[in-house]
Amino acid sequence: MFGTRKLGKTSAQRKALLRQQVTDLLEHGKLETTFTRAKEVQPVVEKMITLGKKGGLANYRRALAYITKEDVANKLFKDVAPGYAERNGGYTRVTRTGPRRGDAAEMAVIELV
């Protein structure tokens, strides 16, 4: 697993959370979440984009095993990854947006560059 933060969840809940957030980020291009979750999602998304850049059936299946929607995996391999062909990493940006109202958790926006 990437990262070491437990995010206050069991391992199964944490894996499901990360899978869904990676899928949503690749689908919409932007995601607003807490700062610590954004920092955990970032390396996973970068790994998925790297798989998309490599191409091939084996890499497509590896990405599809993690991404929860097949159309998002298709979008990753056909639209998103070719746009980063000349870029060597750094596909995402995390920007802090301030505290959340209610519990004052540090919020952030993670987006594709």
C-alpha atoms as a PDB file:
ATOM      1  CA  MET A   1       0.000   0.000   0.000  1.00  0.00           C
ATOM      2  CA  PHE A   2       1.138   3.554  -0.621  1.00  0.00           C
ATOM      3  CA  GLY A   3       1.761   5.820   2.345  1.00  0.00           C
ATOM      4  CA  THR A   4       1.593   5.141   6.013  1.00  0.00           C
ATOM      5  CA  ARG A   5      -1.381   7.205   7.174  1.00  0.00           C
ATOM      6  CA  LYS A   6      -4.247   5.172   8.589  1.00  0.00           C
ATOM      7  CA  LEU A   7      -6.854   7.938   8.201  1.00  0.00           C
ATOM      8  CA  GLY A   8      -8.807   6.588  11.170  1.00  0.00           C
ATOM      9  CA  LYS A   9     -10.116   3.605   9.201  1.00  0.00           C
ATOM     10  CA  THR A  10      -9.577  -0.131   8.978  1.00  0.00           C
ATOM     11  CA  SER A  11      -7.420  -1.348   6.114  1.00  0.00           C
ATOM     12  CA  ALA A  12     -10.420  -2.466   4.019  1.00  0.00           C
ATOM     13  CA  GLN A  13     -12.194   0.871   4.510  1.00  0.00           C
ATOM     14  CA  ARG A  14      -9.004   2.772   3.721  1.00  0.00           C
ATOM     15  CA  LYS A  15      -8.430   0.809   0.512  1.00  0.00           C
ATOM     16  CA  ALA A  16     -12.036   1.381  -0.606  1.00  0.00           C
ATOM     17  CA  LEU A  17     -11.757   5.101   0.158  1.00  0.00           C
ATOM     18  CA  LEU A  18      -8.533   5.482  -1.828  1.00  0.00           C
ATOM     19  CA  ARG A  19      -9.892   3.476  -4.774  1.00  0.00           C
ATOM     20  CA  GLN A  20     -12.993   5.639  -4.966  1.00  0.00           C
ATOM     21  CA  GLN A  21     -11.119   8.909  -4.626  1.00  0.00           C
ATOM     22  CA  VAL A  22      -8.619   7.893  -7.329  1.00  0.00           C
ATOM     23  CA  THR A  23     -11.522   6.983  -9.624  1.00  0.00           C
ATOM     24  CA  ASP A  24     -13.306  10.280  -8.945  1.00  0.00           C
ATOM     25  CA  LEU A  25     -10.157  12.338  -9.488  1.00  0.00           C
ATOM     26  CA  LEU A  26      -9.424  10.665 -12.823  1.00  0.00           C
ATOM     27  CA  GLU A  27     -13.068  11.032 -13.861  1.00  0.00           C
ATOM     28  CA  HIS A  28     -13.519  14.709 -12.985  1.00  0.00           C
ATOM     29  CA  GLY A  29      -9.937  16.026 -12.977  1.00  0.00           C
ATOM     30  CA  LYS A  30     -10.379  17.709  -9.582  1.00  0.00           C
ATOM     31  CA  LEU A  31     -11.320  16.591  -6.079  1.00  0.00           C
ATOM     32  CA  GLU A  32     -11.875  18.462  -2.823  1.00  0.00           C
ATOM     33  CA  THR A  33     -11.005  16.484   0.295  1.00  0.00           C
ATOM     34  CA  THR A  34      -8.976  16.789   3.478  1.00  0.00           C
ATOM     35  CA  PHE A  35      -5.292  17.564   3.108  1.00  0.00           C
ATOM     36  CA  THR A  36      -4.102  14.230   4.519  1.00  0.00           C
ATOM     37  CA  ARG A  37      -6.383  12.255   2.198  1.00  0.00           C
ATOM     38  CA  ALA A  38      -5.168  14.297  -0.757  1.00  0.00           C
ATOM     39  CA  LYS A  39      -1.571  13.493   0.143  1.00  0.00           C
ATOM     40  CA  GLU A  40      -2.446   9.785   0.256  1.00  0.00           C
ATOM     41  CA  VAL A  41      -4.323   9.859  -3.066  1.00  0.00           C
ATOM     42  CA  GLN A  42      -1.542  11.685  -4.902  1.00  0.00           C
ATOM     43  CA  PRO A  43       1.007   8.846  -5.337  1.00  0.00           C
ATOM     44  CA  VAL A  44      -1.714   6.369  -6.324  1.00  0.00           C
ATOM     45  CA  VAL A  45      -3.010   8.656  -9.076  1.00  0.00           C
ATOM     46  CA  GLU A  46       0.512   9.251 -10.323  1.00  0.00           C
ATOM     47  CA  LYS A  47       1.067   5.483 -10.506  1.00  0.00           C
ATOM     48  CA  MET A  48      -2.169   5.040 -12.503  1.00  0.00           C
ATOM     49  CA  ILE A  49      -1.142   7.752 -14.967  1.00  0.00           C
ATOM     50  CA  THR A  50       2.263   6.089 -15.348  1.00  0.00           C
ATOM     51  CA  LEU A  51       0.518   2.799 -16.164  1.00  0.00           C
ATOM     52  CA  GLY A  52      -1.566   4.663 -18.739  1.00  0.00           C
ATOM     53  CA  LYS A  53       1.558   6.143 -20.311  1.00  0.00           C
ATOM     54  CA  LYS A  54       3.153   2.714 -20.625  1.00  0.00           C
ATOM     55  CA  GLY A  55       0.043   1.311 -22.308  1.00  0.00           C
ATOM     56  CA  GLY A  56      -0.471  -2.350 -23.069  1.00  0.00           C
ATOM     57  CA  LEU A  57      -3.043  -4.890 -21.992  1.00  0.00           C
ATOM     58  CA  ALA A  58      -1.268  -5.952 -18.797  1.00  0.00           C
ATOM     59  CA  ASN A  59      -1.019  -2.363 -17.560  1.00  0.00           C
ATOM     60  CA  TYR A  60      -4.657  -1.726 -18.511  1.00  0.00           C
ATOM     61  CA  ARG A  61      -5.716  -4.718 -16.422  1.00  0.00           C
ATOM     62  CA  ARG A  62      -3.561  -3.573 -13.490  1.00  0.00           C
ATOM     63  CA  ALA A  63      -5.215  -0.154 -13.599  1.00  0.00           C
ATOM     64  CA  LEU A  64      -8.677  -1.678 -13.969  1.00  0.00           C
ATOM     65  CA  ALA A  65      -8.054  -3.833 -10.897  1.00  0.00           C
ATOM     66  CA  TYR A  66      -7.723  -0.625  -8.843  1.00  0.00           C
ATOM     67  CA  ILE A  67     -10.048   1.824 -10.625  1.00  0.00           C
ATOM     68  CA  THR A  68     -13.715   1.096  -9.895  1.00  0.00           C
ATOM     69  CA  LYS A  69     -15.216   2.182 -13.260  1.00  0.00           C
ATOM     70  CA  GLU A  70     -14.251   0.730 -16.607  1.00  0.00           C
ATOM     71  CA  ASP A  71     -15.053   3.915 -18.544  1.00  0.00           C
ATOM     72  CA  VAL A  72     -12.675   5.865 -16.286  1.00  0.00           C
ATOM     73  CA  ALA A  73      -9.900   3.368 -17.067  1.00  0.00           C
ATOM     74  CA  ASN A  74     -10.620   3.816 -20.787  1.00  0.00           C
ATOM     75  CA  LYS A  75     -10.488   7.595 -20.346  1.00  0.00           C
ATOM     76  CA  LEU A  76      -7.178   7.250 -18.486  1.00  0.00           C
ATOM     77  CA  PHE A  77      -5.517   5.239 -21.242  1.00  0.00           C
ATOM     78  CA  LYS A  78      -7.034   7.113 -24.224  1.00  0.00           C
ATOM     79  CA  ASP A  79      -7.272  10.751 -23.070  1.00  0.00           C
ATOM     80  CA  VAL A  80      -5.489  11.538 -19.798  1.00  0.00           C
ATOM     81  CA  ALA A  81      -2.178   9.647 -20.018  1.00  0.00           C
ATOM     82  CA  PRO A  82      -1.230  10.645 -23.603  1.00  0.00           C
ATOM     83  CA  GLY A  83      -1.429  14.286 -22.504  1.00  0.00           C
ATOM     84  CA  TYR A  84       1.471  13.648 -20.103  1.00  0.00           C
ATOM     85  CA  ALA A  85       3.710  11.873 -22.638  1.00  0.00           C
ATOM     86  CA  GLU A  86       6.536  14.437 -22.335  1.00  0.00           C
ATOM     87  CA  ARG A  87       6.194  14.898 -18.572  1.00  0.00           C
ATOM     88  CA  ASN A  88       8.283  12.829 -16.143  1.00  0.00           C
ATOM     89  CA  GLY A  89       6.034  12.757 -13.098  1.00  0.00           C
ATOM     90  CA  GLY A  90       4.312  15.506 -11.173  1.00  0.00           C
ATOM     91  CA  TYR A  91       0.901  14.964 -12.745  1.00  0.00           C
ATOM     92  CA  THR A  92      -1.090  16.256  -9.761  1.00  0.00           C
ATOM     93  CA  ARG A  93      -1.182  19.376  -7.610  1.00  0.00           C
ATOM     94  CA  VAL A  94      -2.429  19.675  -4.009  1.00  0.00           C
ATOM     95  CA  THR A  95      -3.572  23.134  -2.935  1.00  0.00           C
ATOM     96  CA  ARG A  96      -4.693  23.917   0.606  1.00  0.00           C
ATOM     97  CA  THR A  97      -8.018  25.743   0.823  1.00  0.00           C
ATOM     98  CA  GLY A  98      -8.332  26.399   4.546  1.00  0.00           C
ATOM     99  CA  PRO A  99     -10.213  24.837   7.451  1.00  0.00           C
ATOM    100  CA  ARG A 100     -13.550  23.078   7.013  1.00  0.00           C
ATOM    101  CA  ARG A 101     -16.504  24.564   8.792  1.00  0.00           C
ATOM    102  CA  GLY A 102     -17.670  22.292  11.559  1.00  0.00           C
ATOM    103  CA  ASP A 103     -14.578  20.377  12.575  1.00  0.00           C
ATOM    104  CA  ALA A 104     -11.843  22.713  11.250  1.00  0.00           C
ATOM    105  CA  ALA A 105     -10.147  19.934   9.268  1.00  0.00           C
ATOM    106  CA  GLU A 106      -7.560  21.278   6.829  1.00  0.00           C
ATOM    107  CA  MET A 107      -9.138  21.051   3.361  1.00  0.00           C
ATOM    108  CA  ALA A 108      -7.340  20.790   0.045  1.00  0.00           C
ATOM    109  CA  VAL A 109      -8.036  20.520  -3.664  1.00  0.00           C
ATOM    110  CA  ILE A 110      -6.147  17.879  -5.620  1.00  0.00           C
ATOM    111  CA  GLU A 111      -6.203  18.329  -9.373  1.00  0.00           C
ATOM    112  CA  LEU A 112      -4.526  17.043 -12.494  1.00  0.00           C
ATOM    113  CA  VAL A 113      -1.933  19.492 -13.811  1.00  0.00           C
END
